[in-house]
Amino acid sequence: MRDLLKLPKPKVPPEQADALISNRIKLGRRAMVQPYERDSSGAEHRYELWDSENRDFLCQLFDTEEVALEYDVVANYRYSEPPPSEARDQELKDRFELKIKWFKELARRISHHFSKMD
């Protein structure tokens, strides 16, 4: 069954992996929701920082880059609207939400897959 899921084993127990992933989600939500800003450049910077840290986190959590490469594909697009605009702000929020959703799914996959193996 492991071959079907193509999920490498985390370097930490599933419960600890879940807690670490939950922390990445919390940091993303915090970065996404900030007091009103005149333009989206601050939020874009927070997104880029959080996104970069996520990739490093995944490379440290697993023995291979496989999961980090999967993460890289999620919401990896350029903005269609010039700054500042409501559409661009929504695109940025959507990028945060898609990656947060991906992290939730990763936690579920780890929990489900590795609890069945014990």
PDB file of N, CA and C in Angstrom:
ATOM      1  N   MET A   1       0.824  -1.206   0.000  1.00  0.00           N
ATOM      2  CA  MET A   1       0.000   0.000   0.000  1.00  0.00           C
ATOM      3  C   MET A   1       0.862   1.261   0.000  1.00  0.00           C
ATOM      4  N   ARG A   2       2.029   1.202   0.630  1.00  0.00           N
ATOM      5  CA  ARG A   2       2.896   2.382   0.676  1.00  0.00           C
ATOM      6  C   ARG A   2       3.258   2.857  -0.722  1.00  0.00           C
ATOM      7  N   ASP A   3       3.488   1.945  -1.652  1.00  0.00           N
ATOM      8  CA  ASP A   3       3.834   2.337  -3.012  1.00  0.00           C
ATOM      9  C   ASP A   3       2.709   3.133  -3.665  1.00  0.00           C
ATOM     10  N   LEU A   4       1.460   2.822  -3.326  1.00  0.00           N
ATOM     11  CA  LEU A   4       0.337   3.540  -3.908  1.00  0.00           C
ATOM     12  C   LEU A   4       0.268   4.988  -3.418  1.00  0.00           C
ATOM     13  N   LEU A   5       0.608   5.210  -2.162  1.00  0.00           N
ATOM     14  CA  LEU A   5       0.541   6.549  -1.599  1.00  0.00           C
ATOM     15  C   LEU A   5       1.777   7.382  -1.928  1.00  0.00           C
ATOM     16  N   LYS A   6       2.881   6.714  -2.211  1.00  0.00           N
ATOM     17  CA  LYS A   6       4.141   7.390  -2.520  1.00  0.00           C
ATOM     18  C   LYS A   6       4.457   8.450  -1.483  1.00  0.00           C
ATOM     19  N   LEU A   7       4.443   8.049  -0.236  1.00  0.00           N
ATOM     20  CA  LEU A   7       4.716   8.961   0.857  1.00  0.00           C
ATOM     21  C   LEU A   7       5.901   8.432   1.641  1.00  0.00           C
ATOM     22  N   PRO A   8       7.032   9.144   1.601  1.00  0.00           N
ATOM     23  CA  PRO A   8       8.165   8.679   2.397  1.00  0.00           C
ATOM     24  C   PRO A   8       7.870   8.827   3.879  1.00  0.00           C
ATOM     25  N   LYS A   9       8.516   8.002   4.669  1.00  0.00           N
ATOM     26  CA  LYS A   9       8.300   8.046   6.114  1.00  0.00           C
ATOM     27  C   LYS A   9       8.953   9.290   6.703  1.00  0.00           C
ATOM     28  N   PRO A  10       8.224  10.023   7.547  1.00  0.00           N
ATOM     29  CA  PRO A  10       8.830  11.193   8.193  1.00  0.00           C
ATOM     30  C   PRO A  10       9.922  10.751   9.164  1.00  0.00           C
ATOM     31  N   LYS A  11      10.833  11.663   9.454  1.00  0.00           N
ATOM     32  CA  LYS A  11      11.936  11.392  10.376  1.00  0.00           C
ATOM     33  C   LYS A  11      11.478  11.384  11.832  1.00  0.00           C
ATOM     34  N   VAL A  12      10.248  11.811  12.085  1.00  0.00           N
ATOM     35  CA  VAL A  12       9.696  11.871  13.436  1.00  0.00           C
ATOM     36  C   VAL A  12       8.420  11.033  13.484  1.00  0.00           C
ATOM     37  N   PRO A  13       7.966  10.662  14.681  1.00  0.00           N
ATOM     38  CA  PRO A  13       6.709   9.907  14.787  1.00  0.00           C
ATOM     39  C   PRO A  13       5.530  10.690  14.187  1.00  0.00           C
ATOM     40  N   PRO A  14       4.499   9.990  13.698  1.00  0.00           N
ATOM     41  CA  PRO A  14       3.356  10.666  13.078  1.00  0.00           C
ATOM     42  C   PRO A  14       2.719  11.751  13.948  1.00  0.00           C
ATOM     43  N   GLU A  15       2.643  11.527  15.256  1.00  0.00           N
ATOM     44  CA  GLU A  15       2.036  12.522  16.147  1.00  0.00           C
ATOM     45  C   GLU A  15       2.860  13.810  16.176  1.00  0.00           C
ATOM     46  N   GLN A  16       4.182  13.668  16.181  1.00  0.00           N
ATOM     47  CA  GLN A  16       5.047  14.837  16.176  1.00  0.00           C
ATOM     48  C   GLN A  16       4.986  15.536  14.820  1.00  0.00           C
ATOM     49  N   ALA A  17       4.944  14.754  13.742  1.00  0.00           N
ATOM     50  CA  ALA A  17       4.804  15.339  12.407  1.00  0.00           C
ATOM     51  C   ALA A  17       3.515  16.150  12.328  1.00  0.00           C
ATOM     52  N   ASP A  18       2.433  15.626  12.882  1.00  0.00           N
ATOM     53  CA  ASP A  18       1.151  16.336  12.881  1.00  0.00           C
ATOM     54  C   ASP A  18       1.264  17.667  13.625  1.00  0.00           C
ATOM     55  N   ALA A  19       1.925  17.661  14.774  1.00  0.00           N
ATOM     56  CA  ALA A  19       2.092  18.895  15.548  1.00  0.00           C
ATOM     57  C   ALA A  19       2.947  19.912  14.780  1.00  0.00           C
ATOM     58  N   LEU A  20       4.001  19.450  14.137  1.00  0.00           N
ATOM     59  CA  LEU A  20       4.862  20.342  13.360  1.00  0.00           C
ATOM     60  C   LEU A  20       4.114  20.932  12.164  1.00  0.00           C
ATOM     61  N   ILE A  21       3.317  20.110  11.503  1.00  0.00           N
ATOM     62  CA  ILE A  21       2.524  20.579  10.364  1.00  0.00           C
ATOM     63  C   ILE A  21       1.465  21.575  10.839  1.00  0.00           C
ATOM     64  N   SER A  22       0.836  21.290  11.971  1.00  0.00           N
ATOM     65  CA  SER A  22      -0.159  22.223  12.533  1.00  0.00           C
ATOM     66  C   SER A  22       0.474  23.581  12.805  1.00  0.00           C
ATOM     67  N   ASN A  23       1.707  23.578  13.259  1.00  0.00           N
ATOM     68  CA  ASN A  23       2.404  24.833  13.502  1.00  0.00           C
ATOM     69  C   ASN A  23       2.631  25.600  12.197  1.00  0.00           C
ATOM     70  N   ARG A  24       2.995  24.909  11.115  1.00  0.00           N
ATOM     71  CA  ARG A  24       3.192  25.573   9.816  1.00  0.00           C
ATOM     72  C   ARG A  24       1.873  26.196   9.348  1.00  0.00           C
ATOM     73  N   ILE A  25       0.757  25.496   9.589  1.00  0.00           N
ATOM     74  CA  ILE A  25      -0.565  26.017   9.222  1.00  0.00           C
ATOM     75  C   ILE A  25      -0.863  27.278  10.025  1.00  0.00           C
ATOM     76  N   LYS A  26      -0.615  27.248  11.335  1.00  0.00           N
ATOM     77  CA  LYS A  26      -0.857  28.419  12.180  1.00  0.00           C
ATOM     78  C   LYS A  26      -0.026  29.611  11.717  1.00  0.00           C
ATOM     79  N   LEU A  27       1.236  29.361  11.389  1.00  0.00           N
ATOM     80  CA  LEU A  27       2.099  30.443  10.916  1.00  0.00           C
ATOM     81  C   LEU A  27       1.580  31.017   9.599  1.00  0.00           C
ATOM     82  N   GLY A  28       1.067  30.160   8.737  1.00  0.00           N
ATOM     83  CA  GLY A  28       0.503  30.623   7.468  1.00  0.00           C
ATOM     84  C   GLY A  28      -0.742  31.465   7.678  1.00  0.00           C
ATOM     85  N   ARG A  29      -1.614  31.023   8.565  1.00  0.00           N
ATOM     86  CA  ARG A  29      -2.829  31.794   8.851  1.00  0.00           C
ATOM     87  C   ARG A  29      -2.480  33.154   9.455  1.00  0.00           C
ATOM     88  N   ARG A  30      -1.489  33.167  10.340  1.00  0.00           N
ATOM     89  CA  ARG A  30      -1.054  34.422  10.948  1.00  0.00           C
ATOM     90  C   ARG A  30      -0.469  35.369   9.904  1.00  0.00           C
ATOM     91  N   ALA A  31       0.323  34.819   8.985  1.00  0.00           N
ATOM     92  CA  ALA A  31       0.932  35.639   7.936  1.00  0.00           C
ATOM     93  C   ALA A  31      -0.117  36.177   6.970  1.00  0.00           C
ATOM     94  N   MET A  32      -1.168  35.394   6.754  1.00  0.00           N
ATOM     95  CA  MET A  32      -2.214  35.775   5.812  1.00  0.00           C
ATOM     96  C   MET A  32      -3.094  36.888   6.379  1.00  0.00           C
ATOM     97  N   VAL A  33      -3.399  36.810   7.654  1.00  0.00           N
ATOM     98  CA  VAL A  33      -4.327  37.751   8.278  1.00  0.00           C
ATOM     99  C   VAL A  33      -3.526  38.785   9.056  1.00  0.00           C
ATOM    100  N   GLN A  34      -3.422  39.954   8.494  1.00  0.00           N
ATOM    101  CA  GLN A  34      -2.707  41.055   9.121  1.00  0.00           C
ATOM    102  C   GLN A  34      -3.615  42.275   9.111  1.00  0.00           C
ATOM    103  N   PRO A  35      -3.304  43.255   9.935  1.00  0.00           N
ATOM    104  CA  PRO A  35      -4.086  44.490   9.889  1.00  0.00           C
ATOM    105  C   PRO A  35      -4.060  45.095   8.484  1.00  0.00           C
ATOM    106  N   TYR A  36      -4.989  45.952   8.206  1.00  0.00           N
ATOM    107  CA  TYR A  36      -5.120  46.565   6.893  1.00  0.00           C
ATOM    108  C   TYR A  36      -3.792  47.152   6.425  1.00  0.00           C
ATOM    109  N   GLU A  37      -3.449  46.828   5.192  1.00  0.00           N
ATOM    110  CA  GLU A  37      -2.234  47.360   4.582  1.00  0.00           C
ATOM    111  C   GLU A  37      -2.617  48.152   3.339  1.00  0.00           C
ATOM    112  N   ARG A  38      -1.876  49.182   3.082  1.00  0.00           N
ATOM    113  CA  ARG A  38      -2.164  50.045   1.935  1.00  0.00           C
ATOM    114  C   ARG A  38      -2.017  49.305   0.605  1.00  0.00           C
ATOM    115  N   ASP A  39      -1.043  48.415   0.515  1.00  0.00           N
ATOM    116  CA  ASP A  39      -0.911  47.573  -0.671  1.00  0.00           C
ATOM    117  C   ASP A  39      -0.544  46.159  -0.222  1.00  0.00           C
ATOM    118  N   SER A  40      -0.451  45.264  -1.161  1.00  0.00           N
ATOM    119  CA  SER A  40      -0.245  43.857  -0.825  1.00  0.00           C
ATOM    120  C   SER A  40       1.221  43.461  -0.724  1.00  0.00           C
ATOM    121  N   SER A  41       2.145  44.402  -0.841  1.00  0.00           N
ATOM    122  CA  SER A  41       3.563  44.028  -0.841  1.00  0.00           C
ATOM    123  C   SER A  41       3.996  43.377   0.475  1.00  0.00           C
ATOM    124  N   GLY A  42       3.480  43.849   1.601  1.00  0.00           N
ATOM    125  CA  GLY A  42       3.816  43.231   2.887  1.00  0.00           C
ATOM    126  C   GLY A  42       3.315  41.806   2.968  1.00  0.00           C
ATOM    127  N   ALA A  43       2.088  41.583   2.536  1.00  0.00           N
ATOM    128  CA  ALA A  43       1.521  40.233   2.543  1.00  0.00           C
ATOM    129  C   ALA A  43       2.269  39.328   1.567  1.00  0.00           C
ATOM    130  N   GLU A  44       2.654  39.874   0.424  1.00  0.00           N
ATOM    131  CA  GLU A  44       3.420  39.082  -0.546  1.00  0.00           C
ATOM    132  C   GLU A  44       4.756  38.660   0.046  1.00  0.00           C
ATOM    133  N   HIS A  45       5.398  39.575   0.754  1.00  0.00           N
ATOM    134  CA  HIS A  45       6.677  39.250   1.391  1.00  0.00           C
ATOM    135  C   HIS A  45       6.481  38.162   2.452  1.00  0.00           C
ATOM    136  N   ARG A  46       5.432  38.287   3.275  1.00  0.00           N
ATOM    137  CA  ARG A  46       5.160  37.270   4.299  1.00  0.00           C
ATOM    138  C   ARG A  46       4.872  35.919   3.650  1.00  0.00           C
ATOM    139  N   TYR A  47       4.133  35.940   2.534  1.00  0.00           N
ATOM    140  CA  TYR A  47       3.841  34.694   1.831  1.00  0.00           C
ATOM    141  C   TYR A  47       5.137  34.049   1.331  1.00  0.00           C
ATOM    142  N   GLU A  48       5.978  34.825   0.674  1.00  0.00           N
ATOM    143  CA  GLU A  48       7.224  34.291   0.118  1.00  0.00           C
ATOM    144  C   GLU A  48       8.101  33.706   1.218  1.00  0.00           C
ATOM    145  N   LEU A  49       8.176  34.377   2.351  1.00  0.00           N
ATOM    146  CA  LEU A  49       8.973  33.884   3.474  1.00  0.00           C
ATOM    147  C   LEU A  49       8.388  32.586   4.019  1.00  0.00           C
ATOM    148  N   TRP A  50       7.089  32.565   4.278  1.00  0.00           N
ATOM    149  CA  TRP A  50       6.419  31.366   4.796  1.00  0.00           C
ATOM    150  C   TRP A  50       6.574  30.212   3.807  1.00  0.00           C
ATOM    151  N   ASP A  51       6.385  30.486   2.538  1.00  0.00           N
ATOM    152  CA  ASP A  51       6.483  29.470   1.499  1.00  0.00           C
ATOM    153  C   ASP A  51       7.890  28.873   1.445  1.00  0.00           C
ATOM    154  N   SER A  52       8.891  29.691   1.501  1.00  0.00           N
ATOM    155  CA  SER A  52      10.279  29.233   1.484  1.00  0.00           C
ATOM    156  C   SER A  52      10.594  28.391   2.723  1.00  0.00           C
ATOM    157  N   GLU A  53      10.134  28.851   3.872  1.00  0.00           N
ATOM    158  CA  GLU A  53      10.332  28.095   5.114  1.00  0.00           C
ATOM    159  C   GLU A  53       9.621  26.748   5.055  1.00  0.00           C
ATOM    160  N   ASN A  54       8.457  26.690   4.404  1.00  0.00           N
ATOM    161  CA  ASN A  54       7.722  25.440   4.279  1.00  0.00           C
ATOM    162  C   ASN A  54       8.533  24.407   3.511  1.00  0.00           C
ATOM    163  N   ARG A  55       9.145  24.842   2.422  1.00  0.00           N
ATOM    164  CA  ARG A  55       9.949  23.921   1.613  1.00  0.00           C
ATOM    165  C   ARG A  55      11.118  23.375   2.441  1.00  0.00           C
ATOM    166  N   ASP A  56      11.797  24.251   3.159  1.00  0.00           N
ATOM    167  CA  ASP A  56      12.903  23.815   4.029  1.00  0.00           C
ATOM    168  C   ASP A  56      12.389  22.844   5.095  1.00  0.00           C
ATOM    169  N   PHE A  57      11.248  23.172   5.682  1.00  0.00           N
ATOM    170  CA  PHE A  57      10.629  22.315   6.698  1.00  0.00           C
ATOM    171  C   PHE A  57      10.373  20.908   6.151  1.00  0.00           C
ATOM    172  N   LEU A  58       9.808  20.819   4.950  1.00  0.00           N
ATOM    173  CA  LEU A  58       9.491  19.513   4.366  1.00  0.00           C
ATOM    174  C   LEU A  58      10.753  18.720   4.049  1.00  0.00           C
ATOM    175  N   CYS A  59      11.789  19.394   3.623  1.00  0.00           N
ATOM    176  CA  CYS A  59      13.065  18.711   3.355  1.00  0.00           C
ATOM    177  C   CYS A  59      13.668  18.164   4.644  1.00  0.00           C
ATOM    178  N   GLN A  60      13.421  18.823   5.760  1.00  0.00           N
ATOM    179  CA  GLN A  60      13.920  18.355   7.050  1.00  0.00           C
ATOM    180  C   GLN A  60      13.020  17.276   7.650  1.00  0.00           C
ATOM    181  N   LEU A  61      11.745  17.318   7.345  1.00  0.00           N
ATOM    182  CA  LEU A  61      10.786  16.366   7.917  1.00  0.00           C
ATOM    183  C   LEU A  61      10.915  14.974   7.295  1.00  0.00           C
ATOM    184  N   PHE A  62      11.290  14.924   6.021  1.00  0.00           N
ATOM    185  CA  PHE A  62      11.393  13.654   5.304  1.00  0.00           C
ATOM    186  C   PHE A  62      12.821  13.409   4.837  1.00  0.00           C
ATOM    187  N   ASP A  63      13.124  12.133   4.548  1.00  0.00           N
ATOM    188  CA  ASP A  63      14.463  11.750   4.088  1.00  0.00           C
ATOM    189  C   ASP A  63      14.741  12.178   2.650  1.00  0.00           C
ATOM    190  N   THR A  64      13.691  12.431   1.894  1.00  0.00           N
ATOM    191  CA  THR A  64      13.851  12.784   0.484  1.00  0.00           C
ATOM    192  C   THR A  64      13.165  14.119   0.209  1.00  0.00           C
ATOM    193  N   GLU A  65      13.388  14.652  -0.984  1.00  0.00           N
ATOM    194  CA  GLU A  65      12.743  15.898  -1.391  1.00  0.00           C
ATOM    195  C   GLU A  65      11.383  15.652  -2.039  1.00  0.00           C
ATOM    196  N   GLU A  66      10.962  14.422  -2.113  1.00  0.00           N
ATOM    197  CA  GLU A  66       9.739  14.044  -2.825  1.00  0.00           C
ATOM    198  C   GLU A  66       8.526  14.869  -2.396  1.00  0.00           C
ATOM    199  N   VAL A  67       8.316  15.014  -1.107  1.00  0.00           N
ATOM    200  CA  VAL A  67       7.152  15.749  -0.604  1.00  0.00           C
ATOM    201  C   VAL A  67       7.334  17.252  -0.851  1.00  0.00           C
ATOM    202  N   ALA A  68       8.549  17.750  -0.719  1.00  0.00           N
ATOM    203  CA  ALA A  68       8.809  19.167  -0.999  1.00  0.00           C
ATOM    204  C   ALA A  68       8.536  19.478  -2.469  1.00  0.00           C
ATOM    205  N   LEU A  69       8.869  18.568  -3.354  1.00  0.00           N
ATOM    206  CA  LEU A  69       8.592  18.772  -4.777  1.00  0.00           C
ATOM    207  C   LEU A  69       7.089  18.784  -5.042  1.00  0.00           C
ATOM    208  N   GLU A  70       6.362  17.928  -4.349  1.00  0.00           N
ATOM    209  CA  GLU A  70       4.903  17.932  -4.462  1.00  0.00           C
ATOM    210  C   GLU A  70       4.351  19.277  -3.983  1.00  0.00           C
ATOM    211  N   TYR A  71       4.876  19.759  -2.873  1.00  0.00           N
ATOM    212  CA  TYR A  71       4.454  21.047  -2.313  1.00  0.00           C
ATOM    213  C   TYR A  71       4.702  22.181  -3.310  1.00  0.00           C
ATOM    214  N   ASP A  72       5.841  22.145  -3.992  1.00  0.00           N
ATOM    215  CA  ASP A  72       6.201  23.204  -4.938  1.00  0.00           C
ATOM    216  C   ASP A  72       5.163  23.395  -6.043  1.00  0.00           C
ATOM    217  N   VAL A  73       4.454  22.352  -6.385  1.00  0.00           N
ATOM    218  CA  VAL A  73       3.473  22.405  -7.467  1.00  0.00           C
ATOM    219  C   VAL A  73       2.195  23.128  -7.039  1.00  0.00           C
ATOM    220  N   VAL A  74       1.899  23.111  -5.756  1.00  0.00           N
ATOM    221  CA  VAL A  74       0.652  23.681  -5.241  1.00  0.00           C
ATOM    222  C   VAL A  74       0.684  25.205  -5.310  1.00  0.00           C
ATOM    223  N   ALA A  75      -0.288  25.758  -6.019  1.00  0.00           N
ATOM    224  CA  ALA A  75      -0.476  27.220  -6.100  1.00  0.00           C
ATOM    225  C   ALA A  75       0.806  27.957  -6.457  1.00  0.00           C
ATOM    226  N   ASN A  76       1.524  27.419  -7.411  1.00  0.00           N
ATOM    227  CA  ASN A  76       2.770  28.052  -7.838  1.00  0.00           C
ATOM    228  C   ASN A  76       2.516  28.794  -9.141  1.00  0.00           C
ATOM    229  N   TYR A  77       1.910  29.970  -9.034  1.00  0.00           N
ATOM    230  CA  TYR A  77       1.583  30.742 -10.225  1.00  0.00           C
ATOM    231  C   TYR A  77       1.906  32.213 -10.010  1.00  0.00           C
ATOM    232  N   ARG A  78       1.922  32.941 -11.088  1.00  0.00           N
ATOM    233  CA  ARG A  78       2.190  34.385 -11.037  1.00  0.00           C
ATOM    234  C   ARG A  78       0.872  35.144 -10.957  1.00  0.00           C
ATOM    235  N   TYR A  79       0.952  36.351 -10.446  1.00  0.00           N
ATOM    236  CA  TYR A  79      -0.237  37.186 -10.329  1.00  0.00           C
ATOM    237  C   TYR A  79      -0.714  37.649 -11.702  1.00  0.00           C
ATOM    238  N   SER A  80      -2.024  37.711 -11.857  1.00  0.00           N
ATOM    239  CA  SER A  80      -2.596  38.167 -13.120  1.00  0.00           C
ATOM    240  C   SER A  80      -2.944  39.653 -13.083  1.00  0.00           C
ATOM    241  N   GLU A  81      -2.985  40.214 -11.916  1.00  0.00           N
ATOM    242  CA  GLU A  81      -3.377  41.616 -11.767  1.00  0.00           C
ATOM    243  C   GLU A  81      -2.193  42.447 -11.279  1.00  0.00           C
ATOM    244  N   PRO A  82      -2.079  43.675 -11.753  1.00  0.00           N
ATOM    245  CA  PRO A  82      -1.007  44.549 -11.252  1.00  0.00           C
ATOM    246  C   PRO A  82      -1.314  44.995  -9.823  1.00  0.00           C
ATOM    247  N   PRO A  83      -0.287  45.278  -9.009  1.00  0.00           N
ATOM    248  CA  PRO A  83      -0.558  45.743  -7.645  1.00  0.00           C
ATOM    249  C   PRO A  83      -0.934  47.212  -7.651  1.00  0.00           C
ATOM    250  N   PRO A  84      -1.608  47.721  -6.671  1.00  0.00           N
ATOM    251  CA  PRO A  84      -2.465  46.969  -5.765  1.00  0.00           C
ATOM    252  C   PRO A  84      -3.846  46.785  -6.385  1.00  0.00           C
ATOM    253  N   SER A  85      -4.466  45.699  -6.126  1.00  0.00           N
ATOM    254  CA  SER A  85      -5.824  45.475  -6.609  1.00  0.00           C
ATOM    255  C   SER A  85      -6.496  44.434  -5.727  1.00  0.00           C
ATOM    256  N   GLU A  86      -7.817  44.499  -5.690  1.00  0.00           N
ATOM    257  CA  GLU A  86      -8.562  43.515  -4.902  1.00  0.00           C
ATOM    258  C   GLU A  86      -8.372  42.119  -5.473  1.00  0.00           C
ATOM    259  N   ALA A  87      -8.292  42.009  -6.797  1.00  0.00           N
ATOM    260  CA  ALA A  87      -8.115  40.691  -7.426  1.00  0.00           C
ATOM    261  C   ALA A  87      -6.765  40.095  -7.035  1.00  0.00           C
ATOM    262  N   ARG A  88      -5.756  40.913  -6.999  1.00  0.00           N
ATOM    263  CA  ARG A  88      -4.428  40.417  -6.623  1.00  0.00           C
ATOM    264  C   ARG A  88      -4.419  40.005  -5.153  1.00  0.00           C
ATOM    265  N   ASP A  89      -5.041  40.788  -4.307  1.00  0.00           N
ATOM    266  CA  ASP A  89      -5.148  40.433  -2.893  1.00  0.00           C
ATOM    267  C   ASP A  89      -5.849  39.086  -2.726  1.00  0.00           C
ATOM    268  N   GLN A  90      -6.908  38.859  -3.513  1.00  0.00           N
ATOM    269  CA  GLN A  90      -7.629  37.589  -3.441  1.00  0.00           C
ATOM    270  C   GLN A  90      -6.761  36.438  -3.935  1.00  0.00           C
ATOM    271  N   GLU A  91      -5.982  36.671  -4.986  1.00  0.00           N
ATOM    272  CA  GLU A  91      -5.077  35.627  -5.482  1.00  0.00           C
ATOM    273  C   GLU A  91      -4.066  35.230  -4.410  1.00  0.00           C
ATOM    274  N   LEU A  92      -3.547  36.215  -3.699  1.00  0.00           N
ATOM    275  CA  LEU A  92      -2.588  35.931  -2.636  1.00  0.00           C
ATOM    276  C   LEU A  92      -3.247  35.121  -1.523  1.00  0.00           C
ATOM    277  N   LYS A  93      -4.441  35.528  -1.136  1.00  0.00           N
ATOM    278  CA  LYS A  93      -5.177  34.786  -0.105  1.00  0.00           C
ATOM    279  C   LYS A  93      -5.443  33.355  -0.570  1.00  0.00           C
ATOM    280  N   ASP A  94      -5.787  33.187  -1.835  1.00  0.00           N
ATOM    281  CA  ASP A  94      -6.037  31.854  -2.387  1.00  0.00           C
ATOM    282  C   ASP A  94      -4.776  30.989  -2.336  1.00  0.00           C
ATOM    283  N   ARG A  95      -3.619  31.591  -2.603  1.00  0.00           N
ATOM    284  CA  ARG A  95      -2.359  30.838  -2.541  1.00  0.00           C
ATOM    285  C   ARG A  95      -2.111  30.345  -1.119  1.00  0.00           C
ATOM    286  N   PHE A  96      -2.305  31.218  -0.132  1.00  0.00           N
ATOM    287  CA  PHE A  96      -2.173  30.797   1.264  1.00  0.00           C
ATOM    288  C   PHE A  96      -3.124  29.633   1.545  1.00  0.00           C
ATOM    289  N   GLU A  97      -4.394  29.812   1.198  1.00  0.00           N
ATOM    290  CA  GLU A  97      -5.409  28.805   1.507  1.00  0.00           C
ATOM    291  C   GLU A  97      -5.118  27.456   0.845  1.00  0.00           C
ATOM    292  N   LEU A  98      -4.667  27.471  -0.404  1.00  0.00           N
ATOM    293  CA  LEU A  98      -4.359  26.221  -1.092  1.00  0.00           C
ATOM    294  C   LEU A  98      -3.220  25.473  -0.408  1.00  0.00           C
ATOM    295  N   LYS A  99      -2.204  26.190   0.026  1.00  0.00           N
ATOM    296  CA  LYS A  99      -1.075  25.529   0.676  1.00  0.00           C
ATOM    297  C   LYS A  99      -1.442  25.077   2.084  1.00  0.00           C
ATOM    298  N   ILE A 100      -2.282  25.832   2.765  1.00  0.00           N
ATOM    299  CA  ILE A 100      -2.765  25.401   4.076  1.00  0.00           C
ATOM    300  C   ILE A 100      -3.594  24.124   3.916  1.00  0.00           C
ATOM    301  N   LYS A 101      -4.451  24.099   2.925  1.00  0.00           N
ATOM    302  CA  LYS A 101      -5.254  22.901   2.653  1.00  0.00           C
ATOM    303  C   LYS A 101      -4.343  21.714   2.323  1.00  0.00           C
ATOM    304  N   TRP A 102      -3.283  21.954   1.554  1.00  0.00           N
ATOM    305  CA  TRP A 102      -2.346  20.880   1.209  1.00  0.00           C
ATOM    306  C   TRP A 102      -1.684  20.333   2.470  1.00  0.00           C
ATOM    307  N   PHE A 103      -1.284  21.228   3.388  1.00  0.00           N
ATOM    308  CA  PHE A 103      -0.672  20.777   4.637  1.00  0.00           C
ATOM    309  C   PHE A 103      -1.651  19.933   5.464  1.00  0.00           C
ATOM    310  N   LYS A 104      -2.905  20.326   5.509  1.00  0.00           N
ATOM    311  CA  LYS A 104      -3.910  19.535   6.236  1.00  0.00           C
ATOM    312  C   LYS A 104      -4.023  18.137   5.631  1.00  0.00           C
ATOM    313  N   GLU A 105      -4.023  18.071   4.317  1.00  0.00           N
ATOM    314  CA  GLU A 105      -4.096  16.774   3.638  1.00  0.00           C
ATOM    315  C   GLU A 105      -2.838  15.948   3.902  1.00  0.00           C
ATOM    316  N   LEU A 106      -1.678  16.583   3.932  1.00  0.00           N
ATOM    317  CA  LEU A 106      -0.434  15.866   4.237  1.00  0.00           C
ATOM    318  C   LEU A 106      -0.502  15.255   5.632  1.00  0.00           C
ATOM    319  N   ALA A 107      -0.977  16.014   6.604  1.00  0.00           N
ATOM    320  CA  ALA A 107      -1.110  15.495   7.972  1.00  0.00           C
ATOM    321  C   ALA A 107      -2.055  14.299   7.996  1.00  0.00           C
ATOM    322  N   ARG A 108      -3.146  14.386   7.252  1.00  0.00           N
ATOM    323  CA  ARG A 108      -4.084  13.269   7.188  1.00  0.00           C
ATOM    324  C   ARG A 108      -3.425  12.045   6.559  1.00  0.00           C
ATOM    325  N   ARG A 109      -2.694  12.253   5.485  1.00  0.00           N
ATOM    326  CA  ARG A 109      -2.010  11.146   4.806  1.00  0.00           C
ATOM    327  C   ARG A 109      -1.006  10.470   5.736  1.00  0.00           C
ATOM    328  N   ILE A 110      -0.220  11.269   6.451  1.00  0.00           N
ATOM    329  CA  ILE A 110       0.768  10.703   7.369  1.00  0.00           C
ATOM    330  C   ILE A 110       0.073   9.904   8.459  1.00  0.00           C
ATOM    331  N   SER A 111      -0.936  10.499   9.069  1.00  0.00           N
ATOM    332  CA  SER A 111      -1.667   9.830  10.146  1.00  0.00           C
ATOM    333  C   SER A 111      -2.291   8.531   9.678  1.00  0.00           C
ATOM    334  N   HIS A 112      -2.974   8.587   8.552  1.00  0.00           N
ATOM    335  CA  HIS A 112      -3.669   7.415   8.044  1.00  0.00           C
ATOM    336  C   HIS A 112      -2.676   6.338   7.607  1.00  0.00           C
ATOM    337  N   HIS A 113      -1.689   6.710   6.874  1.00  0.00           N
ATOM    338  CA  HIS A 113      -0.752   5.741   6.298  1.00  0.00           C
ATOM    339  C   HIS A 113       0.110   5.081   7.367  1.00  0.00           C
ATOM    340  N   PHE A 114       0.709   5.851   8.242  1.00  0.00           N
ATOM    341  CA  PHE A 114       1.647   5.282   9.187  1.00  0.00           C
ATOM    342  C   PHE A 114       0.982   4.667  10.405  1.00  0.00           C
ATOM    343  N   SER A 115      -0.256   5.024  10.707  1.00  0.00           N
ATOM    344  CA  SER A 115      -0.959   4.341  11.792  1.00  0.00           C
ATOM    345  C   SER A 115      -1.354   2.931  11.350  1.00  0.00           C
ATOM    346  N   LYS A 116      -1.570   2.730  10.045  1.00  0.00           N
ATOM    347  CA  LYS A 116      -1.920   1.402   9.513  1.00  0.00           C
ATOM    348  C   LYS A 116      -0.706   0.481   9.486  1.00  0.00           C
ATOM    349  N   MET A 117       0.494   1.050   9.466  1.00  0.00           N
ATOM    350  CA  MET A 117       1.714   0.247   9.359  1.00  0.00           C
ATOM    351  C   MET A 117       2.201  -0.261  10.695  1.00  0.00           C
ATOM    352  N   ASP A 118       1.790   0.377  11.803  1.00  0.00           N
ATOM    353  CA  ASP A 118       2.278  -0.016  13.128  1.00  0.00           C
ATOM    354  C   ASP A 118       1.725  -1.331  13.588  1.00  0.00           C
TER     355      ASP A 118
END
